[in-house]
Amino acid sequence: MVRRREDDSGGQGHARPVGSGAQAITRVQGHALPMRGDDIDTDRIGVSFEGLEKHVFEDDRKAAVRPHNRHPFDVGQYQGAKILVVNSNFGCGSSREHAPQGLHRWGIEAVIGESFAEIFFGNSVMIGMPCVTAAPADVRALMDLIEKRPATEITLDLVAGTCEAEGFRCPVSLPPNARDAFMTGAWDTTGMLLDRYEEVDAASARLPYVTGF
């Protein structure tokens, strides 16, 4: 993942400076993993709270045991993928914050899809994993490309709003508030607190319900 920071002189692609803690995310580059199917819910994505990355799609992967029916997350050519490509309503079902966390710990740094469930999308923003949408025809074309040439490097540019690969280019979109959060580093609430640690520490010292015990 390319995480660009602004210094005091101002940097390209950011709406405001990003300090030493908060990290702006403007671009994700790497190989991709295609995951076909609509309405893939969080109960399927994350089945365990422990060892999250080891249990991503665990039940589905156990069921796909035939040599020519392996789950995409078990296909050797897709190991090390940084970008997940999905169809519509991905991440539906229960909230399960550990579903996007499991994907992220497995190595997924961004998701491109036709549409996402609202809670899954929000939970992904909170951990710095952009979920961008593209037209169904573009998603299908990208999946076809990846399946034919798994080593193809994909570039997801949040500033330009594009997804590019050799011989392929399509527009992608993010809601303005999510895009701004990635551009500025505001998605990283912990990093923002660390950037202003002295102010936070001073404020907490004035709170009787923090210091009065």
N, C-alpha and C. Protein backbone atom coordinates (compact mmCIF):
# COMPACT_ATOMS: atom_id res chain seq x y z
N MET A 1 0.84 -1.18 0.00
CA MET A 1 0.00 0.00 0.00
C MET A 1 0.88 1.23 0.00
N VAL A 2 0.54 2.19 -0.82
CA VAL A 2 1.28 3.44 -0.84
C VAL A 2 0.58 4.42 0.09
N ARG A 3 1.25 4.79 1.15
CA ARG A 3 0.70 5.74 2.10
C ARG A 3 1.54 7.01 2.03
N ARG A 4 0.98 8.08 1.53
CA ARG A 4 1.75 9.31 1.36
C ARG A 4 1.41 10.30 2.45
N ARG A 5 2.43 10.93 2.99
CA ARG A 5 2.24 11.95 4.01
C ARG A 5 2.52 13.33 3.43
N GLU A 6 1.82 14.29 3.96
CA GLU A 6 2.16 15.67 3.62
C GLU A 6 3.12 16.21 4.65
N ASP A 7 4.10 16.98 4.20
CA ASP A 7 4.92 17.73 5.14
C ASP A 7 4.38 19.16 5.22
N ASP A 8 5.11 20.01 5.90
CA ASP A 8 4.61 21.37 6.09
C ASP A 8 4.50 22.15 4.79
N SER A 9 5.21 21.71 3.78
CA SER A 9 5.17 22.45 2.52
C SER A 9 3.99 22.05 1.65
N GLY A 10 3.26 20.99 2.09
CA GLY A 10 2.11 20.55 1.31
C GLY A 10 2.51 19.50 0.32
N GLY A 11 1.71 18.48 0.19
CA GLY A 11 2.02 17.38 -0.72
C GLY A 11 0.90 17.13 -1.68
N GLN A 12 1.19 16.40 -2.71
CA GLN A 12 0.22 16.16 -3.77
C GLN A 12 -0.87 15.23 -3.30
N GLY A 13 -2.11 15.58 -3.60
CA GLY A 13 -3.22 14.67 -3.40
C GLY A 13 -3.85 14.69 -2.02
N HIS A 14 -3.53 15.65 -1.16
CA HIS A 14 -4.10 15.68 0.17
C HIS A 14 -4.80 17.01 0.41
N ALA A 15 -5.87 16.94 1.22
CA ALA A 15 -6.63 18.15 1.51
C ALA A 15 -6.04 18.92 2.68
N ARG A 16 -5.28 18.23 3.58
CA ARG A 16 -4.66 18.91 4.70
C ARG A 16 -3.44 18.12 5.14
N PRO A 17 -2.53 18.72 5.90
CA PRO A 17 -1.34 17.99 6.33
C PRO A 17 -1.67 16.79 7.19
N VAL A 18 -0.85 15.76 7.09
CA VAL A 18 -0.99 14.56 7.89
C VAL A 18 0.22 14.47 8.79
N GLY A 19 0.01 14.26 10.08
CA GLY A 19 1.10 14.24 11.03
C GLY A 19 1.82 12.91 11.04
N SER A 20 2.64 12.73 12.06
CA SER A 20 3.49 11.55 12.12
C SER A 20 2.71 10.29 12.46
N GLY A 21 1.51 10.44 13.04
CA GLY A 21 0.73 9.26 13.40
C GLY A 21 -0.24 8.86 12.32
N ALA A 22 -1.16 9.76 11.97
CA ALA A 22 -2.18 9.46 10.97
C ALA A 22 -1.56 9.24 9.59
N GLN A 23 -2.05 8.25 8.90
CA GLN A 23 -1.49 7.87 7.61
C GLN A 23 -2.51 8.08 6.49
N ALA A 24 -2.16 8.87 5.50
CA ALA A 24 -3.02 9.04 4.33
C ALA A 24 -2.83 7.85 3.39
N ILE A 25 -3.89 7.45 2.76
CA ILE A 25 -3.85 6.35 1.79
C ILE A 25 -4.37 6.89 0.46
N THR A 26 -3.52 6.90 -0.54
CA THR A 26 -3.90 7.45 -1.83
C THR A 26 -3.86 6.43 -2.96
N ARG A 27 -3.11 5.36 -2.77
CA ARG A 27 -2.94 4.40 -3.87
C ARG A 27 -2.63 3.02 -3.30
N VAL A 28 -3.18 2.00 -3.95
CA VAL A 28 -2.87 0.62 -3.60
C VAL A 28 -2.44 -0.09 -4.88
N GLN A 29 -1.30 -0.75 -4.85
CA GLN A 29 -0.77 -1.45 -6.01
C GLN A 29 -0.44 -2.89 -5.63
N GLY A 30 -0.72 -3.79 -6.54
CA GLY A 30 -0.36 -5.19 -6.31
C GLY A 30 -1.21 -6.13 -7.12
N HIS A 31 -1.00 -7.42 -6.88
CA HIS A 31 -1.80 -8.43 -7.54
C HIS A 31 -3.19 -8.46 -6.92
N ALA A 32 -4.12 -9.08 -7.61
CA ALA A 32 -5.50 -9.10 -7.15
C ALA A 32 -6.05 -10.52 -7.08
N LEU A 33 -7.12 -10.65 -6.33
CA LEU A 33 -7.81 -11.93 -6.14
C LEU A 33 -9.27 -11.74 -6.50
N PRO A 34 -9.80 -12.47 -7.48
CA PRO A 34 -11.21 -12.34 -7.85
C PRO A 34 -12.07 -13.27 -7.00
N MET A 35 -13.16 -12.74 -6.48
CA MET A 35 -14.08 -13.50 -5.64
C MET A 35 -15.48 -13.33 -6.20
N ARG A 36 -15.89 -14.27 -7.02
CA ARG A 36 -17.18 -14.14 -7.70
C ARG A 36 -18.34 -14.52 -6.77
N GLY A 37 -19.47 -13.84 -6.97
CA GLY A 37 -20.68 -14.15 -6.21
C GLY A 37 -21.27 -12.93 -5.55
N ASP A 38 -22.60 -12.80 -5.62
CA ASP A 38 -23.31 -11.71 -4.97
C ASP A 38 -23.68 -12.09 -3.54
N ASP A 39 -23.92 -11.09 -2.72
CA ASP A 39 -24.45 -11.28 -1.36
C ASP A 39 -23.56 -12.18 -0.51
N ILE A 40 -22.26 -12.01 -0.60
CA ILE A 40 -21.34 -12.76 0.26
C ILE A 40 -21.34 -12.08 1.63
N ASP A 41 -21.84 -12.80 2.64
CA ASP A 41 -22.07 -12.16 3.93
C ASP A 41 -20.89 -12.32 4.88
N THR A 42 -20.94 -11.54 5.95
CA THR A 42 -19.83 -11.51 6.90
C THR A 42 -19.69 -12.82 7.68
N ASP A 43 -20.78 -13.56 7.83
CA ASP A 43 -20.69 -14.86 8.50
C ASP A 43 -19.81 -15.83 7.71
N ARG A 44 -19.79 -15.67 6.41
CA ARG A 44 -18.91 -16.49 5.57
C ARG A 44 -17.48 -15.96 5.57
N ILE A 45 -17.35 -14.63 5.60
CA ILE A 45 -16.01 -14.03 5.52
C ILE A 45 -15.20 -14.32 6.77
N GLY A 46 -15.78 -14.04 7.93
CA GLY A 46 -15.06 -14.21 9.19
C GLY A 46 -15.81 -15.10 10.14
N VAL A 47 -15.29 -16.29 10.40
CA VAL A 47 -16.00 -17.25 11.24
C VAL A 47 -15.39 -17.38 12.63
N SER A 48 -14.31 -16.67 12.90
CA SER A 48 -13.63 -16.80 14.18
C SER A 48 -13.07 -15.46 14.62
N PHE A 49 -13.03 -15.25 15.95
CA PHE A 49 -12.44 -14.04 16.50
C PHE A 49 -10.95 -14.21 16.76
N GLU A 50 -10.45 -15.42 16.69
CA GLU A 50 -9.05 -15.69 16.98
C GLU A 50 -8.30 -16.05 15.69
N GLY A 51 -7.08 -15.57 15.57
CA GLY A 51 -6.32 -15.86 14.36
C GLY A 51 -7.09 -15.49 13.11
N LEU A 52 -7.56 -14.25 13.07
CA LEU A 52 -8.53 -13.83 12.06
C LEU A 52 -8.12 -14.20 10.64
N GLU A 53 -6.87 -13.91 10.29
CA GLU A 53 -6.43 -14.14 8.91
C GLU A 53 -6.39 -15.62 8.55
N LYS A 54 -6.28 -16.48 9.54
CA LYS A 54 -6.21 -17.93 9.28
C LYS A 54 -7.59 -18.53 9.02
N HIS A 55 -8.63 -17.81 9.41
CA HIS A 55 -9.98 -18.37 9.33
C HIS A 55 -10.88 -17.64 8.32
N VAL A 56 -10.30 -16.80 7.48
CA VAL A 56 -11.09 -16.12 6.45
C VAL A 56 -11.73 -17.15 5.53
N PHE A 57 -13.04 -17.06 5.36
CA PHE A 57 -13.81 -17.99 4.51
C PHE A 57 -13.54 -19.46 4.88
N GLU A 58 -13.34 -19.72 6.16
CA GLU A 58 -12.94 -21.06 6.57
C GLU A 58 -13.93 -22.14 6.14
N ASP A 59 -15.22 -21.94 6.38
CA ASP A 59 -16.22 -22.96 6.02
C ASP A 59 -16.29 -23.15 4.51
N ASP A 60 -16.27 -22.05 3.76
CA ASP A 60 -16.31 -22.15 2.30
C ASP A 60 -15.08 -22.87 1.78
N ARG A 61 -13.94 -22.61 2.37
CA ARG A 61 -12.69 -23.23 1.91
C ARG A 61 -12.66 -24.72 2.21
N LYS A 62 -13.23 -25.11 3.34
CA LYS A 62 -13.30 -26.54 3.66
C LYS A 62 -14.23 -27.28 2.71
N ALA A 63 -15.29 -26.58 2.26
CA ALA A 63 -16.25 -27.22 1.36
C ALA A 63 -15.71 -27.33 -0.07
N ALA A 64 -14.76 -26.49 -0.44
CA ALA A 64 -14.20 -26.49 -1.79
C ALA A 64 -12.91 -27.30 -1.80
N VAL A 65 -13.06 -28.62 -1.75
CA VAL A 65 -11.89 -29.48 -1.60
C VAL A 65 -11.46 -30.16 -2.89
N ARG A 66 -12.29 -30.12 -3.92
CA ARG A 66 -11.91 -30.79 -5.18
C ARG A 66 -10.82 -30.01 -5.90
N PRO A 67 -9.92 -30.69 -6.60
CA PRO A 67 -8.78 -30.01 -7.25
C PRO A 67 -9.18 -28.87 -8.17
N HIS A 68 -10.30 -29.03 -8.87
CA HIS A 68 -10.73 -28.00 -9.82
C HIS A 68 -11.82 -27.10 -9.22
N ASN A 69 -11.97 -27.19 -7.92
CA ASN A 69 -13.00 -26.38 -7.26
C ASN A 69 -12.43 -25.70 -6.02
N ARG A 70 -11.16 -25.33 -6.09
CA ARG A 70 -10.54 -24.69 -4.93
C ARG A 70 -11.08 -23.29 -4.71
N HIS A 71 -11.17 -22.91 -3.45
CA HIS A 71 -11.59 -21.57 -3.10
C HIS A 71 -10.51 -20.58 -3.54
N PRO A 72 -10.90 -19.39 -4.03
CA PRO A 72 -9.90 -18.42 -4.50
C PRO A 72 -8.81 -18.11 -3.47
N PHE A 73 -9.15 -18.13 -2.18
CA PHE A 73 -8.15 -17.83 -1.16
C PHE A 73 -7.16 -18.97 -0.96
N ASP A 74 -7.40 -20.11 -1.62
CA ASP A 74 -6.47 -21.24 -1.54
C ASP A 74 -5.73 -21.49 -2.85
N VAL A 75 -6.01 -20.67 -3.86
CA VAL A 75 -5.34 -20.82 -5.15
C VAL A 75 -3.95 -20.19 -5.06
N GLY A 76 -2.94 -20.98 -5.38
CA GLY A 76 -1.57 -20.51 -5.22
C GLY A 76 -1.25 -19.24 -5.98
N GLN A 77 -1.84 -19.08 -7.16
CA GLN A 77 -1.55 -17.89 -7.97
C GLN A 77 -2.05 -16.59 -7.34
N TYR A 78 -2.99 -16.71 -6.39
CA TYR A 78 -3.54 -15.51 -5.78
C TYR A 78 -2.94 -15.20 -4.41
N GLN A 79 -2.04 -16.05 -3.96
CA GLN A 79 -1.41 -15.78 -2.67
C GLN A 79 -0.58 -14.51 -2.74
N GLY A 80 -0.69 -13.69 -1.72
CA GLY A 80 0.01 -12.41 -1.70
C GLY A 80 -0.76 -11.29 -2.35
N ALA A 81 -2.00 -11.56 -2.76
CA ALA A 81 -2.82 -10.52 -3.40
C ALA A 81 -3.10 -9.40 -2.41
N LYS A 82 -3.11 -8.17 -2.91
CA LYS A 82 -3.39 -7.01 -2.08
C LYS A 82 -4.77 -6.41 -2.36
N ILE A 83 -5.34 -6.77 -3.50
CA ILE A 83 -6.63 -6.20 -3.89
C ILE A 83 -7.63 -7.33 -4.12
N LEU A 84 -8.77 -7.23 -3.46
CA LEU A 84 -9.85 -8.20 -3.62
C LEU A 84 -10.90 -7.61 -4.56
N VAL A 85 -11.35 -8.40 -5.53
CA VAL A 85 -12.35 -7.94 -6.49
C VAL A 85 -13.62 -8.77 -6.30
N VAL A 86 -14.74 -8.11 -6.04
CA VAL A 86 -15.98 -8.79 -5.67
C VAL A 86 -17.16 -8.27 -6.49
N ASN A 87 -18.28 -8.94 -6.34
CA ASN A 87 -19.50 -8.52 -7.04
C ASN A 87 -20.36 -7.63 -6.15
N SER A 88 -21.67 -7.86 -6.10
CA SER A 88 -22.56 -6.91 -5.44
C SER A 88 -22.91 -7.31 -4.01
N ASN A 89 -23.19 -6.29 -3.20
CA ASN A 89 -23.63 -6.45 -1.81
C ASN A 89 -22.65 -7.26 -0.98
N PHE A 90 -21.38 -7.04 -1.21
CA PHE A 90 -20.36 -7.78 -0.47
C PHE A 90 -20.33 -7.31 0.98
N GLY A 91 -20.23 -8.26 1.91
CA GLY A 91 -20.17 -7.92 3.32
C GLY A 91 -21.52 -7.71 3.97
N CYS A 92 -22.58 -8.25 3.38
CA CYS A 92 -23.91 -8.11 3.96
C CYS A 92 -24.04 -9.00 5.20
N GLY A 93 -25.18 -8.94 5.86
CA GLY A 93 -25.40 -9.76 7.04
C GLY A 93 -25.08 -9.01 8.32
N SER A 94 -24.62 -9.75 9.34
CA SER A 94 -24.35 -9.15 10.64
C SER A 94 -23.13 -8.24 10.58
N SER A 95 -22.97 -7.41 11.64
CA SER A 95 -21.92 -6.39 11.60
C SER A 95 -20.53 -7.00 11.57
N ARG A 96 -20.21 -7.93 12.46
CA ARG A 96 -18.95 -8.67 12.47
C ARG A 96 -17.74 -7.84 12.05
N GLU A 97 -17.30 -7.00 12.96
CA GLU A 97 -16.14 -6.16 12.66
C GLU A 97 -14.92 -6.98 12.26
N HIS A 98 -14.84 -8.22 12.74
CA HIS A 98 -13.66 -9.03 12.44
C HIS A 98 -13.65 -9.56 11.01
N ALA A 99 -14.75 -9.39 10.25
CA ALA A 99 -14.75 -9.83 8.85
C ALA A 99 -13.77 -8.99 8.02
N PRO A 100 -13.90 -7.66 7.98
CA PRO A 100 -12.89 -6.88 7.25
C PRO A 100 -11.51 -6.97 7.90
N GLN A 101 -11.47 -7.10 9.23
CA GLN A 101 -10.17 -7.21 9.89
C GLN A 101 -9.43 -8.47 9.45
N GLY A 102 -10.17 -9.58 9.30
CA GLY A 102 -9.56 -10.82 8.84
C GLY A 102 -9.00 -10.69 7.43
N LEU A 103 -9.76 -10.06 6.54
CA LEU A 103 -9.29 -9.84 5.18
C LEU A 103 -8.02 -8.99 5.19
N HIS A 104 -8.03 -7.94 6.00
CA HIS A 104 -6.90 -7.03 6.05
C HIS A 104 -5.66 -7.73 6.59
N ARG A 105 -5.83 -8.52 7.62
CA ARG A 105 -4.68 -9.24 8.19
C ARG A 105 -4.17 -10.33 7.23
N TRP A 106 -5.05 -10.86 6.42
CA TRP A 106 -4.64 -11.85 5.41
C TRP A 106 -3.74 -11.19 4.38
N GLY A 107 -3.91 -9.88 4.18
CA GLY A 107 -3.08 -9.16 3.22
C GLY A 107 -3.84 -8.26 2.27
N ILE A 108 -5.17 -8.27 2.35
CA ILE A 108 -5.97 -7.44 1.46
C ILE A 108 -5.89 -5.99 1.93
N GLU A 109 -5.52 -5.09 1.03
CA GLU A 109 -5.38 -3.67 1.37
C GLU A 109 -6.46 -2.80 0.75
N ALA A 110 -7.22 -3.35 -0.20
CA ALA A 110 -8.32 -2.60 -0.81
C ALA A 110 -9.26 -3.60 -1.48
N VAL A 111 -10.51 -3.19 -1.63
CA VAL A 111 -11.51 -4.05 -2.28
C VAL A 111 -12.19 -3.24 -3.37
N ILE A 112 -12.33 -3.86 -4.54
CA ILE A 112 -13.07 -3.26 -5.65
C ILE A 112 -14.31 -4.12 -5.88
N GLY A 113 -15.48 -3.51 -5.92
CA GLY A 113 -16.70 -4.28 -6.09
C GLY A 113 -17.82 -3.48 -6.72
N GLU A 114 -18.90 -4.19 -7.01
CA GLU A 114 -20.08 -3.52 -7.56
C GLU A 114 -20.81 -2.71 -6.49
N SER A 115 -20.90 -3.29 -5.28
CA SER A 115 -21.52 -2.60 -4.15
C SER A 115 -21.16 -3.31 -2.86
N PHE A 116 -21.29 -2.57 -1.74
CA PHE A 116 -20.92 -3.10 -0.44
C PHE A 116 -22.04 -2.85 0.57
N ALA A 117 -22.17 -3.76 1.53
CA ALA A 117 -23.08 -3.52 2.64
C ALA A 117 -22.55 -2.34 3.46
N GLU A 118 -23.46 -1.53 3.95
CA GLU A 118 -23.07 -0.26 4.58
C GLU A 118 -22.18 -0.47 5.80
N ILE A 119 -22.53 -1.41 6.69
CA ILE A 119 -21.74 -1.59 7.91
C ILE A 119 -20.35 -2.14 7.57
N PHE A 120 -20.28 -3.10 6.66
CA PHE A 120 -18.98 -3.63 6.24
C PHE A 120 -18.12 -2.51 5.66
N PHE A 121 -18.72 -1.66 4.85
CA PHE A 121 -17.98 -0.54 4.25
C PHE A 121 -17.42 0.36 5.35
N GLY A 122 -18.26 0.72 6.31
CA GLY A 122 -17.81 1.60 7.38
C GLY A 122 -16.71 0.98 8.23
N ASN A 123 -16.85 -0.30 8.54
CA ASN A 123 -15.82 -0.98 9.32
C ASN A 123 -14.50 -1.05 8.55
N SER A 124 -14.58 -1.16 7.24
CA SER A 124 -13.38 -1.19 6.41
C SER A 124 -12.67 0.15 6.40
N VAL A 125 -13.45 1.23 6.33
CA VAL A 125 -12.85 2.56 6.38
C VAL A 125 -12.09 2.75 7.69
N MET A 126 -12.65 2.26 8.78
CA MET A 126 -12.06 2.45 10.10
C MET A 126 -10.70 1.76 10.25
N ILE A 127 -10.42 0.75 9.42
CA ILE A 127 -9.12 0.08 9.52
C ILE A 127 -8.22 0.42 8.33
N GLY A 128 -8.65 1.38 7.52
CA GLY A 128 -7.80 1.83 6.41
C GLY A 128 -7.81 0.90 5.21
N MET A 129 -8.93 0.25 4.95
CA MET A 129 -9.05 -0.63 3.79
C MET A 129 -10.12 -0.06 2.84
N PRO A 130 -9.72 0.70 1.82
CA PRO A 130 -10.70 1.31 0.92
C PRO A 130 -11.53 0.26 0.18
N CYS A 131 -12.83 0.51 0.12
CA CYS A 131 -13.75 -0.32 -0.66
C CYS A 131 -14.36 0.57 -1.73
N VAL A 132 -13.92 0.44 -2.96
CA VAL A 132 -14.38 1.31 -4.04
C VAL A 132 -15.33 0.55 -4.95
N THR A 133 -16.24 1.28 -5.56
CA THR A 133 -17.21 0.65 -6.46
C THR A 133 -16.87 0.94 -7.91
N ALA A 134 -17.24 -0.02 -8.76
CA ALA A 134 -17.07 0.12 -10.21
C ALA A 134 -18.30 -0.47 -10.88
N ALA A 135 -18.50 -0.14 -12.14
CA ALA A 135 -19.64 -0.65 -12.88
C ALA A 135 -19.56 -2.18 -12.99
N PRO A 136 -20.70 -2.88 -12.95
CA PRO A 136 -20.68 -4.34 -13.03
C PRO A 136 -19.90 -4.88 -14.22
N ALA A 137 -20.03 -4.24 -15.38
CA ALA A 137 -19.30 -4.72 -16.56
C ALA A 137 -17.80 -4.57 -16.37
N ASP A 138 -17.37 -3.49 -15.70
CA ASP A 138 -15.95 -3.30 -15.45
C ASP A 138 -15.42 -4.31 -14.43
N VAL A 139 -16.22 -4.61 -13.42
CA VAL A 139 -15.82 -5.62 -12.43
C VAL A 139 -15.66 -6.98 -13.09
N ARG A 140 -16.62 -7.34 -13.93
CA ARG A 140 -16.52 -8.63 -14.63
C ARG A 140 -15.29 -8.68 -15.52
N ALA A 141 -15.03 -7.59 -16.24
CA ALA A 141 -13.86 -7.56 -17.12
C ALA A 141 -12.57 -7.66 -16.32
N LEU A 142 -12.52 -7.01 -15.16
CA LEU A 142 -11.33 -7.08 -14.31
C LEU A 142 -11.14 -8.49 -13.76
N MET A 143 -12.23 -9.13 -13.35
CA MET A 143 -12.14 -10.51 -12.87
C MET A 143 -11.62 -11.44 -13.97
N ASP A 144 -12.16 -11.27 -15.17
CA ASP A 144 -11.71 -12.10 -16.30
C ASP A 144 -10.22 -11.92 -16.54
N LEU A 145 -9.76 -10.67 -16.48
CA LEU A 145 -8.35 -10.37 -16.70
C LEU A 145 -7.48 -11.04 -15.64
N ILE A 146 -7.89 -10.94 -14.39
CA ILE A 146 -7.10 -11.53 -13.30
C ILE A 146 -7.05 -13.05 -13.41
N GLU A 147 -8.18 -13.65 -13.77
CA GLU A 147 -8.21 -15.11 -13.88
C GLU A 147 -7.34 -15.61 -15.03
N LYS A 148 -7.26 -14.82 -16.09
CA LYS A 148 -6.42 -15.21 -17.22
C LYS A 148 -4.95 -14.92 -16.96
N ARG A 149 -4.68 -13.78 -16.26
CA ARG A 149 -3.29 -13.39 -15.99
C ARG A 149 -3.15 -12.99 -14.52
N PRO A 150 -3.05 -13.98 -13.63
CA PRO A 150 -3.03 -13.70 -12.19
C PRO A 150 -1.87 -12.80 -11.75
N ALA A 151 -0.79 -12.79 -12.52
CA ALA A 151 0.37 -11.99 -12.12
C ALA A 151 0.23 -10.51 -12.49
N THR A 152 -0.87 -10.16 -13.13
CA THR A 152 -1.09 -8.77 -13.53
C THR A 152 -1.11 -7.85 -12.32
N GLU A 153 -0.38 -6.76 -12.37
CA GLU A 153 -0.39 -5.79 -11.29
C GLU A 153 -1.49 -4.78 -11.51
N ILE A 154 -2.27 -4.56 -10.47
CA ILE A 154 -3.38 -3.62 -10.50
C ILE A 154 -2.97 -2.37 -9.73
N THR A 155 -3.33 -1.21 -10.26
CA THR A 155 -3.10 0.05 -9.55
C THR A 155 -4.44 0.72 -9.28
N LEU A 156 -4.76 0.86 -8.01
CA LEU A 156 -5.97 1.56 -7.59
C LEU A 156 -5.57 2.93 -7.09
N ASP A 157 -5.99 3.96 -7.81
CA ASP A 157 -5.60 5.34 -7.49
C ASP A 157 -6.82 6.07 -6.93
N LEU A 158 -6.80 6.34 -5.64
CA LEU A 158 -7.94 7.00 -5.01
C LEU A 158 -8.01 8.48 -5.36
N VAL A 159 -6.88 9.07 -5.70
CA VAL A 159 -6.86 10.49 -6.08
C VAL A 159 -7.50 10.67 -7.45
N ALA A 160 -7.07 9.85 -8.41
CA ALA A 160 -7.60 9.95 -9.78
C ALA A 160 -8.95 9.26 -9.92
N GLY A 161 -9.28 8.36 -8.98
CA GLY A 161 -10.53 7.62 -9.08
C GLY A 161 -10.50 6.60 -10.20
N THR A 162 -9.38 5.88 -10.32
CA THR A 162 -9.22 4.91 -11.40
C THR A 162 -8.64 3.60 -10.90
N CYS A 163 -8.91 2.56 -11.66
CA CYS A 163 -8.27 1.26 -11.49
C CYS A 163 -7.62 0.94 -12.83
N GLU A 164 -6.32 0.63 -12.79
CA GLU A 164 -5.59 0.40 -14.03
C GLU A 164 -4.78 -0.88 -13.96
N ALA A 165 -4.68 -1.53 -15.10
CA ALA A 165 -3.81 -2.68 -15.30
C ALA A 165 -3.40 -2.67 -16.76
N GLU A 166 -2.49 -3.54 -17.14
CA GLU A 166 -2.07 -3.58 -18.53
C GLU A 166 -3.26 -3.89 -19.43
N GLY A 167 -3.60 -2.96 -20.32
CA GLY A 167 -4.72 -3.15 -21.23
C GLY A 167 -6.08 -2.94 -20.61
N PHE A 168 -6.12 -2.38 -19.41
CA PHE A 168 -7.41 -2.19 -18.72
C PHE A 168 -7.40 -0.90 -17.92
N ARG A 169 -8.51 -0.20 -17.95
CA ARG A 169 -8.68 1.01 -17.14
C ARG A 169 -10.16 1.25 -16.94
N CYS A 170 -10.55 1.57 -15.71
CA CYS A 170 -11.94 1.89 -15.46
C CYS A 170 -12.04 2.89 -14.31
N PRO A 171 -13.12 3.66 -14.27
CA PRO A 171 -13.32 4.58 -13.15
C PRO A 171 -13.83 3.82 -11.92
N VAL A 172 -13.43 4.29 -10.75
CA VAL A 172 -13.94 3.76 -9.49
C VAL A 172 -14.38 4.94 -8.63
N SER A 173 -15.24 4.65 -7.66
CA SER A 173 -15.76 5.76 -6.85
C SER A 173 -15.81 5.40 -5.38
N LEU A 174 -15.74 6.46 -4.57
CA LEU A 174 -15.88 6.39 -3.13
C LEU A 174 -16.80 7.53 -2.71
N PRO A 175 -17.61 7.35 -1.66
CA PRO A 175 -18.36 8.49 -1.13
C PRO A 175 -17.38 9.60 -0.73
N PRO A 176 -17.75 10.86 -0.94
CA PRO A 176 -16.82 11.97 -0.67
C PRO A 176 -16.23 11.96 0.73
N ASN A 177 -17.04 11.62 1.75
CA ASN A 177 -16.51 11.65 3.11
C ASN A 177 -15.46 10.56 3.32
N ALA A 178 -15.67 9.39 2.74
CA ALA A 178 -14.68 8.31 2.87
C ALA A 178 -13.42 8.66 2.09
N ARG A 179 -13.59 9.20 0.90
CA ARG A 179 -12.43 9.58 0.09
C ARG A 179 -11.58 10.62 0.84
N ASP A 180 -12.26 11.61 1.44
CA ASP A 180 -11.53 12.64 2.18
C ASP A 180 -10.80 12.04 3.38
N ALA A 181 -11.44 11.06 4.04
CA ALA A 181 -10.80 10.42 5.20
C ALA A 181 -9.50 9.72 4.79
N PHE A 182 -9.51 9.07 3.64
CA PHE A 182 -8.29 8.41 3.18
C PHE A 182 -7.26 9.43 2.71
N MET A 183 -7.71 10.46 2.03
CA MET A 183 -6.78 11.47 1.53
C MET A 183 -6.05 12.20 2.66
N THR A 184 -6.77 12.43 3.76
CA THR A 184 -6.22 13.25 4.84
C THR A 184 -5.65 12.44 5.99
N GLY A 185 -5.93 11.15 6.01
CA GLY A 185 -5.52 10.34 7.15
C GLY A 185 -6.53 10.33 8.27
N ALA A 186 -7.70 10.96 8.07
CA ALA A 186 -8.71 11.04 9.12
C ALA A 186 -9.35 9.69 9.43
N TRP A 187 -9.17 8.69 8.55
CA TRP A 187 -9.67 7.35 8.86
C TRP A 187 -8.95 6.79 10.08
N ASP A 188 -7.69 7.22 10.29
CA ASP A 188 -6.83 6.67 11.33
C ASP A 188 -7.02 7.47 12.61
N THR A 189 -8.10 7.19 13.33
CA THR A 189 -8.43 7.97 14.51
C THR A 189 -7.37 7.82 15.61
N THR A 190 -6.80 6.65 15.73
CA THR A 190 -5.74 6.46 16.73
C THR A 190 -4.53 7.30 16.38
N GLY A 191 -4.15 7.30 15.11
CA GLY A 191 -3.02 8.10 14.67
C GLY A 191 -3.25 9.58 14.90
N MET A 192 -4.49 10.03 14.69
CA MET A 192 -4.81 11.45 14.91
C MET A 192 -4.68 11.81 16.38
N LEU A 193 -5.09 10.90 17.27
CA LEU A 193 -4.93 11.16 18.70
C LEU A 193 -3.46 11.23 19.07
N LEU A 194 -2.66 10.32 18.51
CA LEU A 194 -1.23 10.32 18.81
C LEU A 194 -0.55 11.58 18.29
N ASP A 195 -1.04 12.11 17.16
CA ASP A 195 -0.48 13.35 16.63
C ASP A 195 -0.62 14.50 17.63
N ARG A 196 -1.69 14.46 18.44
CA ARG A 196 -1.96 15.55 19.38
C ARG A 196 -2.02 15.00 20.81
N TYR A 197 -1.07 14.12 21.09
CA TYR A 197 -1.09 13.40 22.35
C TYR A 197 -1.05 14.35 23.55
N GLU A 198 -0.22 15.38 23.47
CA GLU A 198 -0.09 16.28 24.60
C GLU A 198 -1.42 16.98 24.90
N GLU A 199 -2.14 17.37 23.84
CA GLU A 199 -3.43 18.02 24.05
C GLU A 199 -4.43 17.05 24.66
N VAL A 200 -4.45 15.82 24.15
CA VAL A 200 -5.36 14.81 24.68
C VAL A 200 -5.04 14.52 26.13
N ASP A 201 -3.76 14.41 26.45
CA ASP A 201 -3.33 14.12 27.81
C ASP A 201 -3.71 15.26 28.76
N ALA A 202 -3.54 16.48 28.29
CA ALA A 202 -3.90 17.64 29.12
C ALA A 202 -5.40 17.70 29.36
N ALA A 203 -6.18 17.40 28.32
CA ALA A 203 -7.64 17.41 28.47
C ALA A 203 -8.11 16.33 29.43
N SER A 204 -7.52 15.15 29.34
CA SER A 204 -7.94 14.06 30.22
C SER A 204 -7.60 14.37 31.68
N ALA A 205 -6.52 15.12 31.88
CA ALA A 205 -6.13 15.48 33.25
C ALA A 205 -7.13 16.41 33.90
N ARG A 206 -7.96 17.10 33.10
CA ARG A 206 -8.97 18.01 33.65
C ARG A 206 -10.31 17.34 33.90
N LEU A 207 -10.42 16.07 33.52
CA LEU A 207 -11.70 15.38 33.65
C LEU A 207 -11.76 14.63 34.98
N PRO A 208 -12.73 15.00 35.84
CA PRO A 208 -12.79 14.37 37.17
C PRO A 208 -13.07 12.88 37.11
N TYR A 209 -13.79 12.42 36.09
CA TYR A 209 -14.08 10.99 36.03
C TYR A 209 -12.91 10.19 35.50
N VAL A 210 -11.83 10.89 35.10
CA VAL A 210 -10.59 10.20 34.69
C VAL A 210 -9.57 10.26 35.83
N THR A 211 -9.48 11.42 36.47
CA THR A 211 -8.43 11.63 37.48
C THR A 211 -8.91 11.44 38.91
N GLY A 212 -10.22 11.30 39.11
CA GLY A 212 -10.76 11.30 40.47
C GLY A 212 -10.81 9.93 41.13
N PHE A 213 -10.06 8.97 40.62
CA PHE A 213 -10.09 7.64 41.22
C PHE A 213 -8.74 7.30 41.84
